[in-house]
C-alpha cells in the first residue's frame, strides 16, 4: 500500500510552479535550495512522474507538472479548510468564549446574558470586547472574536447572521430644551434640520438614525459634534441645548429620572435589528456559544418594535 502524499511537499511544489525557481521557493519557505530539490525529487518518485524541467535558467513544469499543480491548489485549499474546521471542533470542549458586542448591546443587554451564562457554567472564561458595529464585524472576520452582536441596519453579507431582537431609537433632550415642553412632539423636518449630538461613523446607532431619515425623504444635517460613547452623549444632552437620537435601552433610566426627556417624533419610528454574527467558514457554535445563544433567544425582547 502506497504511503499518503506529503501535503507539505505538494504545497512546496505549488510554490515552485508559481515562482519559477527552486531558490525563490526555498527563500519563501525559509529552507535551503537543496532541501526543496530533495523534496521535489521525493514527490516525483512518489507520484511516478516527472514534474519539473531543471535548467540553468530556472525551473519549468512538465505537462504532467502543470496538471498536478492545477489539481493540487484546490486540494490544498480543502486541506487548509479541514484543518481550520477540526481546530474549531476541538475548541468545543474549551471553557472560554470571545465575544464582541456593539456598545448599546454590551452596556445594556450583554451583562444579563453573561451573568446567566456564568450561573449555568461557572468554569467558563468570558472575554467581552465593546466596539461600534463596524469594528465588531471586523473582529469576527479576523477571528479575534468567536461571535459578535451588532445593531446596524447594514448586516455584513460576508458573515452568517441571525436577528434575535429589535431596538427602537428615540429623540431625547435635556429638561431645559424647548422640545421638552412640546406635547405634540416634533416633525421629521424639524429633526432633520437640527444638528444632533451623534456617535462616530461606524456606529449602528448613527447609521440607523441617518438611514431612517433618508428613507423618509429628509436627510439629516451634519451633527453638532460626535462623541464615541453613549454615556458622554447622555451627559452632554442633559447639560446642553442639542438633542440626540439614541436607543431606548440607553436612555430609559435617564427618562425615568427626568434628566432626559423623550420627544415624540411624529410620523416616523426608527426600529433597527439586533443581530448576532459569526464566520461562515468556521463553525462558531461551540457548546459555550450554543449556551449563550440559547440565553439570548430566550431573553425578553428589549423593544416592542
C-alpha atoms as a PDB file:
ATOM      1  CA  UNK A   1       0.000   0.000   0.000  1.00  0.00           C
ATOM      2  CA  UNK A   2       1.394   3.379  -1.029  1.00  0.00           C
ATOM      3  CA  UNK A   3       2.011   5.975   1.657  1.00  0.00           C
ATOM      4  CA  UNK A   4      -0.137   9.138   1.617  1.00  0.00           C
ATOM      5  CA  UNK A   5       1.104  12.110  -0.369  1.00  0.00           C
ATOM      6  CA  UNK A   6       3.084  14.586   1.715  1.00  0.00           C
ATOM      7  CA  UNK A   7       0.896  17.688   1.577  1.00  0.00           C
ATOM      8  CA  UNK A   8       3.748  19.984   2.595  1.00  0.00           C
ATOM      9  CA  UNK A   9       5.834  18.723  -0.337  1.00  0.00           C
ATOM     10  CA  UNK A  10       2.840  19.271  -2.595  1.00  0.00           C
ATOM     11  CA  UNK A  11       2.460  22.794  -1.179  1.00  0.00           C
ATOM     12  CA  UNK A  12       6.156  23.415  -1.851  1.00  0.00           C
ATOM     13  CA  UNK A  13       5.728  22.171  -5.431  1.00  0.00           C
ATOM     14  CA  UNK A  14       2.913  24.684  -5.969  1.00  0.00           C
ATOM     15  CA  UNK A  15       5.266  27.427  -4.716  1.00  0.00           C
ATOM     16  CA  UNK A  16       7.947  26.294  -7.177  1.00  0.00           C
ATOM     17  CA  UNK A  17       5.415  26.258 -10.019  1.00  0.00           C
ATOM     18  CA  UNK A  18       4.238  29.794  -9.270  1.00  0.00           C
ATOM     19  CA  UNK A  19       7.683  31.324  -8.555  1.00  0.00           C
ATOM     20  CA  UNK A  20       9.572  29.537 -11.336  1.00  0.00           C
ATOM     21  CA  UNK A  21      12.740  28.656  -9.410  1.00  0.00           C
ATOM     22  CA  UNK A  22      13.728  26.329  -6.610  1.00  0.00           C
ATOM     23  CA  UNK A  23      15.769  29.085  -4.969  1.00  0.00           C
ATOM     24  CA  UNK A  24      12.817  31.514  -4.751  1.00  0.00           C
ATOM     25  CA  UNK A  25      10.568  28.794  -3.349  1.00  0.00           C
ATOM     26  CA  UNK A  26      13.273  27.904  -0.813  1.00  0.00           C
ATOM     27  CA  UNK A  27      13.667  31.545   0.239  1.00  0.00           C
ATOM     28  CA  UNK A  28       9.900  31.945   0.678  1.00  0.00           C
ATOM     29  CA  UNK A  29       9.629  28.706   2.660  1.00  0.00           C
ATOM     30  CA  UNK A  30      12.675  29.515   4.806  1.00  0.00           C
ATOM     31  CA  UNK A  31      14.603  26.346   3.854  1.00  0.00           C
ATOM     32  CA  UNK A  32      17.663  25.565   1.743  1.00  0.00           C
ATOM     33  CA  UNK A  33      17.505  25.070  -2.026  1.00  0.00           C
ATOM     34  CA  UNK A  34      18.919  21.584  -1.545  1.00  0.00           C
ATOM     35  CA  UNK A  35      16.033  20.713   0.795  1.00  0.00           C
ATOM     36  CA  UNK A  36      13.497  21.884  -1.784  1.00  0.00           C
ATOM     37  CA  UNK A  37      15.224  19.928  -4.544  1.00  0.00           C
ATOM     38  CA  UNK A  38      15.241  16.780  -2.412  1.00  0.00           C
ATOM     39  CA  UNK A  39      11.518  17.109  -1.600  1.00  0.00           C
ATOM     40  CA  UNK A  40      10.654  17.663  -5.277  1.00  0.00           C
ATOM     41  CA  UNK A  41      12.599  14.537  -6.230  1.00  0.00           C
ATOM     42  CA  UNK A  42      10.814  12.569  -3.499  1.00  0.00           C
ATOM     43  CA  UNK A  43       7.429  13.855  -4.701  1.00  0.00           C
ATOM     44  CA  UNK A  44       8.204  12.882  -8.305  1.00  0.00           C
ATOM     45  CA  UNK A  45       9.283   9.434  -7.125  1.00  0.00           C
ATOM     46  CA  UNK A  46       6.111   9.073  -5.048  1.00  0.00           C
ATOM     47  CA  UNK A  47       3.851  10.075  -7.966  1.00  0.00           C
ATOM     48  CA  UNK A  48       5.880   8.205 -10.583  1.00  0.00           C
ATOM     49  CA  UNK A  49       6.003  11.170 -12.999  1.00  0.00           C
ATOM     50  CA  UNK A  50       8.439  13.969 -13.783  1.00  0.00           C
ATOM     51  CA  UNK A  51       7.006  17.288 -12.598  1.00  0.00           C
ATOM     52  CA  UNK A  52       9.824  19.735 -13.349  1.00  0.00           C
ATOM     53  CA  UNK A  53      12.429  20.513 -16.008  1.00  0.00           C
ATOM     54  CA  UNK A  54      15.532  21.822 -14.282  1.00  0.00           C
ATOM     55  CA  UNK A  55      17.650  24.135 -16.464  1.00  0.00           C
ATOM     56  CA  UNK A  56      20.473  26.622 -15.823  1.00  0.00           C
ATOM     57  CA  UNK A  57      17.926  29.403 -16.312  1.00  0.00           C
ATOM     58  CA  UNK A  58      15.364  28.173 -13.823  1.00  0.00           C
ATOM     59  CA  UNK A  59      12.687  25.549 -13.439  1.00  0.00           C
ATOM     60  CA  UNK A  60       9.585  24.967 -15.509  1.00  0.00           C
ATOM     61  CA  UNK A  61       6.775  22.473 -15.291  1.00  0.00           C
ATOM     62  CA  UNK A  62       6.368  19.408 -17.440  1.00  0.00           C
ATOM     63  CA  UNK A  63       2.926  18.780 -18.911  1.00  0.00           C
ATOM     64  CA  UNK A  64       2.293  16.372 -16.054  1.00  0.00           C
ATOM     65  CA  UNK A  65       3.554  19.012 -13.603  1.00  0.00           C
ATOM     66  CA  UNK A  66       1.099  21.588 -14.969  1.00  0.00           C
ATOM     67  CA  UNK A  67      -1.769  19.140 -14.492  1.00  0.00           C
ATOM     68  CA  UNK A  68      -0.654  18.213 -10.964  1.00  0.00           C
ATOM     69  CA  UNK A  69      -0.241  21.882  -9.973  1.00  0.00           C
ATOM     70  CA  UNK A  70      -3.785  22.646 -11.151  1.00  0.00           C
ATOM     71  CA  UNK A  71      -5.184  19.724  -9.175  1.00  0.00           C
ATOM     72  CA  UNK A  72      -3.066  20.478  -6.109  1.00  0.00           C
ATOM     73  CA  UNK A  73      -4.302  24.026  -5.457  1.00  0.00           C
ATOM     74  CA  UNK A  74      -7.961  23.181  -4.679  1.00  0.00           C
ATOM     75  CA  UNK A  75      -6.784  20.097  -2.778  1.00  0.00           C
ATOM     76  CA  UNK A  76      -4.548  22.237  -0.557  1.00  0.00           C
ATOM     77  CA  UNK A  77      -7.365  24.763  -0.050  1.00  0.00           C
ATOM     78  CA  UNK A  78      -9.615  21.951   1.163  1.00  0.00           C
ATOM     79  CA  UNK A  79      -6.844  20.624   3.410  1.00  0.00           C
ATOM     80  CA  UNK A  80      -6.482  24.074   4.982  1.00  0.00           C
ATOM     81  CA  UNK A  81     -10.236  24.294   5.486  1.00  0.00           C
ATOM     82  CA  UNK A  82     -10.255  20.801   7.033  1.00  0.00           C
ATOM     83  CA  UNK A  83      -7.520  21.825   9.472  1.00  0.00           C
ATOM     84  CA  UNK A  84      -9.388  25.020  10.363  1.00  0.00           C
ATOM     85  CA  UNK A  85     -12.666  23.194  10.992  1.00  0.00           C
ATOM     86  CA  UNK A  86     -11.045  20.484  13.101  1.00  0.00           C
ATOM     87  CA  UNK A  87      -9.362  23.172  15.214  1.00  0.00           C
ATOM     88  CA  UNK A  88     -12.780  24.720  15.743  1.00  0.00           C
ATOM     89  CA  UNK A  89     -14.260  21.339  16.647  1.00  0.00           C
ATOM     90  CA  UNK A  90     -11.502  20.747  19.185  1.00  0.00           C
ATOM     91  CA  UNK A  91     -12.348  24.078  20.770  1.00  0.00           C
ATOM     92  CA  UNK A  92     -15.887  22.914  21.588  1.00  0.00           C
ATOM     93  CA  UNK A  93     -14.526  21.332  24.738  1.00  0.00           C
ATOM     94  CA  UNK A  94     -12.814  24.526  25.854  1.00  0.00           C
ATOM     95  CA  UNK A  95     -14.303  26.632  28.609  1.00  0.00           C
ATOM     96  CA  UNK A  96     -13.848  30.059  27.053  1.00  0.00           C
ATOM     97  CA  UNK A  97     -15.615  32.337  24.624  1.00  0.00           C
ATOM     98  CA  UNK A  98     -14.550  35.597  22.986  1.00  0.00           C
ATOM     99  CA  UNK A  99     -17.498  37.926  22.409  1.00  0.00           C
ATOM    100  CA  UNK A 100     -17.580  41.266  20.612  1.00  0.00           C
ATOM    101  CA  UNK A 101     -20.634  43.494  21.023  1.00  0.00           C
ATOM    102  CA  UNK A 102     -21.660  46.956  19.914  1.00  0.00           C
ATOM    103  CA  UNK A 103     -21.791  49.487  22.721  1.00  0.00           C
ATOM    104  CA  UNK A 104     -25.556  49.542  23.308  1.00  0.00           C
ATOM    105  CA  UNK A 105     -25.692  45.750  23.466  1.00  0.00           C
ATOM    106  CA  UNK A 106     -22.517  45.491  25.562  1.00  0.00           C
ATOM    107  CA  UNK A 107     -23.782  48.015  28.110  1.00  0.00           C
ATOM    108  CA  UNK A 108     -27.471  47.158  28.356  1.00  0.00           C
ATOM    109  CA  UNK A 109     -28.077  43.551  27.239  1.00  0.00           C
ATOM    110  CA  UNK A 110     -24.853  41.575  27.498  1.00  0.00           C
ATOM    111  CA  UNK A 111     -24.427  41.872  31.296  1.00  0.00           C
ATOM    112  CA  UNK A 112     -27.635  39.920  31.917  1.00  0.00           C
ATOM    113  CA  UNK A 113     -26.689  37.299  29.336  1.00  0.00           C
ATOM    114  CA  UNK A 114     -23.225  36.815  30.779  1.00  0.00           C
ATOM    115  CA  UNK A 115     -24.474  36.525  34.354  1.00  0.00           C
ATOM    116  CA  UNK A 116     -26.916  33.833  33.213  1.00  0.00           C
ATOM    117  CA  UNK A 117     -24.157  32.056  31.257  1.00  0.00           C
ATOM    118  CA  UNK A 118     -21.843  32.111  34.269  1.00  0.00           C
ATOM    119  CA  UNK A 119     -24.597  30.716  36.511  1.00  0.00           C
ATOM    120  CA  UNK A 120     -25.099  27.805  34.111  1.00  0.00           C
ATOM    121  CA  UNK A 121     -21.387  27.157  33.515  1.00  0.00           C
ATOM    122  CA  UNK A 122     -19.275  28.745  36.283  1.00  0.00           C
ATOM    123  CA  UNK A 123     -15.968  27.496  34.850  1.00  0.00           C
ATOM    124  CA  UNK A 124     -16.359  29.432  31.595  1.00  0.00           C
ATOM    125  CA  UNK A 125     -13.826  32.172  30.904  1.00  0.00           C
ATOM    126  CA  UNK A 126     -15.635  35.033  29.181  1.00  0.00           C
ATOM    127  CA  UNK A 127     -13.986  37.845  27.204  1.00  0.00           C
ATOM    128  CA  UNK A 128     -16.187  40.735  26.041  1.00  0.00           C
ATOM    129  CA  UNK A 129     -14.942  43.496  23.740  1.00  0.00           C
ATOM    130  CA  UNK A 130     -17.181  46.540  23.241  1.00  0.00           C
ATOM    131  CA  UNK A 131     -16.888  48.495  19.985  1.00  0.00           C
ATOM    132  CA  UNK A 132     -19.070  50.048  17.302  1.00  0.00           C
ATOM    133  CA  UNK A 133     -20.894  47.699  14.930  1.00  0.00           C
ATOM    134  CA  UNK A 134     -18.348  48.015  12.088  1.00  0.00           C
ATOM    135  CA  UNK A 135     -15.485  47.144  14.422  1.00  0.00           C
ATOM    136  CA  UNK A 136     -17.405  44.192  15.900  1.00  0.00           C
ATOM    137  CA  UNK A 137     -17.888  42.729  12.415  1.00  0.00           C
ATOM    138  CA  UNK A 138     -14.177  43.161  11.716  1.00  0.00           C
ATOM    139  CA  UNK A 139     -13.219  41.395  14.960  1.00  0.00           C
ATOM    140  CA  UNK A 140     -15.369  38.425  13.924  1.00  0.00           C
ATOM    141  CA  UNK A 141     -13.935  38.419  10.381  1.00  0.00           C
ATOM    142  CA  UNK A 142     -10.364  38.389  11.654  1.00  0.00           C
ATOM    143  CA  UNK A 143     -11.026  35.559  14.115  1.00  0.00           C
ATOM    144  CA  UNK A 144     -10.348  37.826  17.112  1.00  0.00           C
ATOM    145  CA  UNK A 145     -13.911  37.161  18.322  1.00  0.00           C
ATOM    146  CA  UNK A 146     -15.825  33.876  18.186  1.00  0.00           C
ATOM    147  CA  UNK A 147     -19.180  35.593  17.928  1.00  0.00           C
ATOM    148  CA  UNK A 148     -20.411  39.176  17.581  1.00  0.00           C
ATOM    149  CA  UNK A 149     -23.522  41.195  18.371  1.00  0.00           C
ATOM    150  CA  UNK A 150     -24.300  44.243  16.225  1.00  0.00           C
ATOM    151  CA  UNK A 151     -27.101  46.803  15.968  1.00  0.00           C
ATOM    152  CA  UNK A 152     -26.748  48.159  12.449  1.00  0.00           C
ATOM    153  CA  UNK A 153     -29.315  48.060   9.630  1.00  0.00           C
ATOM    154  CA  UNK A 154     -26.477  47.139   7.237  1.00  0.00           C
ATOM    155  CA  UNK A 155     -25.799  43.478   8.067  1.00  0.00           C
ATOM    156  CA  UNK A 156     -22.472  42.241   6.608  1.00  0.00           C
ATOM    157  CA  UNK A 157     -23.171  39.846   3.745  1.00  0.00           C
ATOM    158  CA  UNK A 158     -19.867  38.004   4.275  1.00  0.00           C
ATOM    159  CA  UNK A 159     -20.874  36.814   7.762  1.00  0.00           C
ATOM    160  CA  UNK A 160     -23.544  34.370   8.845  1.00  0.00           C
ATOM    161  CA  UNK A 161     -26.166  36.104  10.935  1.00  0.00           C
ATOM    162  CA  UNK A 162     -29.383  35.775  12.905  1.00  0.00           C
ATOM    163  CA  UNK A 163     -31.686  38.575  14.096  1.00  0.00           C
ATOM    164  CA  UNK A 164     -32.587  37.954  17.734  1.00  0.00           C
ATOM    165  CA  UNK A 165     -34.487  41.147  18.625  1.00  0.00           C
ATOM    166  CA  UNK A 166     -35.263  44.715  17.561  1.00  0.00           C
ATOM    167  CA  UNK A 167     -34.465  48.052  19.161  1.00  0.00           C
ATOM    168  CA  UNK A 168     -36.099  51.467  18.811  1.00  0.00           C
ATOM    169  CA  UNK A 169     -34.267  54.782  18.580  1.00  0.00           C
ATOM    170  CA  UNK A 170     -35.816  57.792  20.290  1.00  0.00           C
ATOM    171  CA  UNK A 171     -35.203  61.531  20.340  1.00  0.00           C
ATOM    172  CA  UNK A 172     -34.056  62.873  23.729  1.00  0.00           C
ATOM    173  CA  UNK A 173     -33.285  66.361  25.014  1.00  0.00           C
ATOM    174  CA  UNK A 174     -32.339  67.957  28.298  1.00  0.00           C
ATOM    175  CA  UNK A 175     -35.139  69.132  30.562  1.00  0.00           C
ATOM    176  CA  UNK A 176     -34.431  72.802  29.686  1.00  0.00           C
ATOM    177  CA  UNK A 177     -34.636  72.270  25.929  1.00  0.00           C
ATOM    178  CA  UNK A 178     -37.667  73.857  24.177  1.00  0.00           C
ATOM    179  CA  UNK A 179     -38.649  70.467  22.719  1.00  0.00           C
ATOM    180  CA  UNK A 180     -39.057  69.093  26.258  1.00  0.00           C
ATOM    181  CA  UNK A 181     -42.317  71.046  26.532  1.00  0.00           C
ATOM    182  CA  UNK A 182     -43.664  70.003  23.139  1.00  0.00           C
ATOM    183  CA  UNK A 183     -46.574  67.729  23.977  1.00  0.00           C
ATOM    184  CA  UNK A 184     -47.366  67.298  20.287  1.00  0.00           C
ATOM    185  CA  UNK A 185     -43.779  66.343  19.515  1.00  0.00           C
ATOM    186  CA  UNK A 186     -41.654  67.381  16.535  1.00  0.00           C
ATOM    187  CA  UNK A 187     -41.826  66.758  12.808  1.00  0.00           C
ATOM    188  CA  UNK A 188     -39.322  64.815  10.748  1.00  0.00           C
ATOM    189  CA  UNK A 189     -38.431  68.094   9.040  1.00  0.00           C
ATOM    190  CA  UNK A 190     -37.526  69.704  12.351  1.00  0.00           C
ATOM    191  CA  UNK A 191     -35.340  66.808  13.423  1.00  0.00           C
ATOM    192  CA  UNK A 192     -33.578  66.585  10.045  1.00  0.00           C
ATOM    193  CA  UNK A 193     -32.779  70.322  10.116  1.00  0.00           C
ATOM    194  CA  UNK A 194     -31.368  70.235  13.669  1.00  0.00           C
ATOM    195  CA  UNK A 195     -27.722  69.305  14.341  1.00  0.00           C
ATOM    196  CA  UNK A 196     -27.750  66.481  16.888  1.00  0.00           C
ATOM    197  CA  UNK A 197     -25.078  65.027  19.129  1.00  0.00           C
ATOM    198  CA  UNK A 198     -24.100  61.814  17.366  1.00  0.00           C
ATOM    199  CA  UNK A 199     -21.868  58.783  17.667  1.00  0.00           C
ATOM    200  CA  UNK A 200     -18.903  58.365  15.323  1.00  0.00           C
ATOM    201  CA  UNK A 201     -19.253  56.895  11.835  1.00  0.00           C
ATOM    202  CA  UNK A 202     -19.327  53.101  12.004  1.00  0.00           C
ATOM    203  CA  UNK A 203     -21.830  53.235  14.838  1.00  0.00           C
ATOM    204  CA  UNK A 204     -25.036  51.286  14.233  1.00  0.00           C
ATOM    205  CA  UNK A 205     -27.000  53.906  16.166  1.00  0.00           C
ATOM    206  CA  UNK A 206     -25.864  56.716  13.890  1.00  0.00           C
ATOM    207  CA  UNK A 207     -26.401  54.691  10.716  1.00  0.00           C
ATOM    208  CA  UNK A 208     -29.927  53.650  11.732  1.00  0.00           C
ATOM    209  CA  UNK A 209     -30.815  57.298  12.502  1.00  0.00           C
ATOM    210  CA  UNK A 210     -29.415  58.618   9.223  1.00  0.00           C
ATOM    211  CA  UNK A 211     -30.985  55.880   7.113  1.00  0.00           C
ATOM    212  CA  UNK A 212     -34.336  56.302   8.859  1.00  0.00           C
ATOM    213  CA  UNK A 213     -34.463  59.995   7.938  1.00  0.00           C
ATOM    214  CA  UNK A 214     -33.061  59.379   4.449  1.00  0.00           C
ATOM    215  CA  UNK A 215     -35.815  56.849   3.708  1.00  0.00           C
ATOM    216  CA  UNK A 216     -38.432  59.385   4.808  1.00  0.00           C
ATOM    217  CA  UNK A 217     -37.066  61.900   2.327  1.00  0.00           C
ATOM    218  CA  UNK A 218     -35.499  64.135   4.995  1.00  0.00           C
ATOM    219  CA  UNK A 219     -31.717  63.599   5.078  1.00  0.00           C
ATOM    220  CA  UNK A 220     -30.258  65.000   8.309  1.00  0.00           C
ATOM    221  CA  UNK A 221     -27.798  67.877   8.504  1.00  0.00           C
ATOM    222  CA  UNK A 222     -24.316  67.220   9.848  1.00  0.00           C
ATOM    223  CA  UNK A 223     -24.089  66.538  13.605  1.00  0.00           C
ATOM    224  CA  UNK A 224     -23.372  69.313  16.064  1.00  0.00           C
ATOM    225  CA  UNK A 225     -20.457  67.135  17.159  1.00  0.00           C
ATOM    226  CA  UNK A 226     -19.509  63.481  17.513  1.00  0.00           C
ATOM    227  CA  UNK A 227     -18.824  61.549  20.720  1.00  0.00           C
ATOM    228  CA  UNK A 228     -17.555  57.989  20.964  1.00  0.00           C
ATOM    229  CA  UNK A 229     -19.637  56.783  23.917  1.00  0.00           C
ATOM    230  CA  UNK A 230     -23.326  56.804  24.721  1.00  0.00           C
ATOM    231  CA  UNK A 231     -22.599  57.934  28.289  1.00  0.00           C
ATOM    232  CA  UNK A 232     -20.841  61.063  27.002  1.00  0.00           C
ATOM    233  CA  UNK A 233     -23.756  61.828  24.684  1.00  0.00           C
ATOM    234  CA  UNK A 234     -26.309  61.460  27.504  1.00  0.00           C
ATOM    235  CA  UNK A 235     -24.378  63.798  29.795  1.00  0.00           C
ATOM    236  CA  UNK A 236     -23.878  66.392  27.060  1.00  0.00           C
ATOM    237  CA  UNK A 237     -27.547  66.327  26.045  1.00  0.00           C
ATOM    238  CA  UNK A 238     -28.669  66.694  29.677  1.00  0.00           C
ATOM    239  CA  UNK A 239     -26.373  69.674  30.185  1.00  0.00           C
ATOM    240  CA  UNK A 240     -26.822  71.486  26.866  1.00  0.00           C
ATOM    241  CA  UNK A 241     -29.169  72.563  24.123  1.00  0.00           C
ATOM    242  CA  UNK A 242     -28.575  69.892  21.443  1.00  0.00           C
ATOM    243  CA  UNK A 243     -30.764  66.771  21.081  1.00  0.00           C
ATOM    244  CA  UNK A 244     -29.654  63.219  20.401  1.00  0.00           C
ATOM    245  CA  UNK A 245     -31.175  60.106  18.885  1.00  0.00           C
ATOM    246  CA  UNK A 246     -30.310  57.051  20.956  1.00  0.00           C
ATOM    247  CA  UNK A 247     -31.515  53.555  21.731  1.00  0.00           C
ATOM    248  CA  UNK A 248     -34.377  53.429  24.205  1.00  0.00           C
ATOM    249  CA  UNK A 249     -32.210  50.889  26.055  1.00  0.00           C
ATOM    250  CA  UNK A 250     -29.557  53.546  26.610  1.00  0.00           C
ATOM    251  CA  UNK A 251     -31.849  56.299  27.928  1.00  0.00           C
ATOM    252  CA  UNK A 252     -34.772  54.694  29.718  1.00  0.00           C
ATOM    253  CA  UNK A 253     -33.242  55.182  33.180  1.00  0.00           C
ATOM    254  CA  UNK A 254     -32.485  58.849  32.454  1.00  0.00           C
ATOM    255  CA  UNK A 255     -36.014  59.380  31.113  1.00  0.00           C
ATOM    256  CA  UNK A 256     -37.426  57.795  34.275  1.00  0.00           C
ATOM    257  CA  UNK A 257     -35.285  60.068  36.480  1.00  0.00           C
ATOM    258  CA  UNK A 258     -36.136  63.208  34.478  1.00  0.00           C
ATOM    259  CA  UNK A 259     -32.586  64.095  33.451  1.00  0.00           C
ATOM    260  CA  UNK A 260     -33.565  63.440  29.850  1.00  0.00           C
ATOM    261  CA  UNK A 261     -36.920  63.943  28.157  1.00  0.00           C
ATOM    262  CA  UNK A 262     -38.166  61.725  25.356  1.00  0.00           C
ATOM    263  CA  UNK A 263     -39.577  63.786  22.483  1.00  0.00           C
ATOM    264  CA  UNK A 264     -42.306  62.348  20.294  1.00  0.00           C
ATOM    265  CA  UNK A 265     -41.266  62.126  16.641  1.00  0.00           C
ATOM    266  CA  UNK A 266     -44.383  62.415  14.531  1.00  0.00           C
ATOM    267  CA  UNK A 267     -44.903  60.157  11.507  1.00  0.00           C
ATOM    268  CA  UNK A 268     -41.744  58.088  11.984  1.00  0.00           C
ATOM    269  CA  UNK A 269     -40.430  55.252  14.135  1.00  0.00           C
ATOM    270  CA  UNK A 270     -36.815  54.191  13.764  1.00  0.00           C
ATOM    271  CA  UNK A 271     -36.532  50.485  14.544  1.00  0.00           C
ATOM    272  CA  UNK A 272     -33.379  48.524  13.881  1.00  0.00           C
ATOM    273  CA  UNK A 273     -32.460  44.836  14.122  1.00  0.00           C
ATOM    274  CA  UNK A 274     -30.208  43.392  16.805  1.00  0.00           C
ATOM    275  CA  UNK A 275     -28.123  40.710  15.121  1.00  0.00           C
ATOM    276  CA  UNK A 276     -25.643  38.005  16.070  1.00  0.00           C
ATOM    277  CA  UNK A 277     -22.883  37.326  13.500  1.00  0.00           C
ATOM    278  CA  UNK A 278     -20.230  34.665  13.011  1.00  0.00           C
ATOM    279  CA  UNK A 279     -17.873  33.489  10.271  1.00  0.00           C
ATOM    280  CA  UNK A 280     -19.339  31.151   7.675  1.00  0.00           C
ATOM    281  CA  UNK A 281     -16.140  29.153   7.107  1.00  0.00           C
ATOM    282  CA  UNK A 282     -15.544  28.180  10.746  1.00  0.00           C
ATOM    283  CA  UNK A 283     -18.331  26.799  12.939  1.00  0.00           C
ATOM    284  CA  UNK A 284     -18.517  29.149  15.933  1.00  0.00           C
ATOM    285  CA  UNK A 285     -21.105  27.068  17.641  1.00  0.00           C
ATOM    286  CA  UNK A 286     -19.101  25.554  20.427  1.00  0.00           C
ATOM    287  CA  UNK A 287     -21.021  24.276  23.427  1.00  0.00           C
ATOM    288  CA  UNK A 288     -20.304  27.630  25.102  1.00  0.00           C
ATOM    289  CA  UNK A 289     -21.592  29.650  22.123  1.00  0.00           C
ATOM    290  CA  UNK A 290     -24.702  27.494  21.901  1.00  0.00           C
ATOM    291  CA  UNK A 291     -25.389  28.052  25.606  1.00  0.00           C
ATOM    292  CA  UNK A 292     -25.017  31.812  25.145  1.00  0.00           C
ATOM    293  CA  UNK A 293     -27.333  31.896  22.121  1.00  0.00           C
ATOM    294  CA  UNK A 294     -29.957  29.893  23.996  1.00  0.00           C
ATOM    295  CA  UNK A 295     -29.904  32.584  26.693  1.00  0.00           C
ATOM    296  CA  UNK A 296     -30.053  35.396  24.120  1.00  0.00           C
ATOM    297  CA  UNK A 297     -33.006  33.880  22.263  1.00  0.00           C
ATOM    298  CA  UNK A 298     -34.884  33.305  25.495  1.00  0.00           C
ATOM    299  CA  UNK A 299     -34.380  36.815  26.881  1.00  0.00           C
ATOM    300  CA  UNK A 300     -37.322  39.252  26.796  1.00  0.00           C
ATOM    301  CA  UNK A 301     -37.359  41.477  23.721  1.00  0.00           C
ATOM    302  CA  UNK A 302     -35.771  44.830  24.584  1.00  0.00           C
ATOM    303  CA  UNK A 303     -38.171  46.748  22.354  1.00  0.00           C
ATOM    304  CA  UNK A 304     -41.831  46.341  21.389  1.00  0.00           C
ATOM    305  CA  UNK A 305     -40.749  47.104  17.822  1.00  0.00           C
END
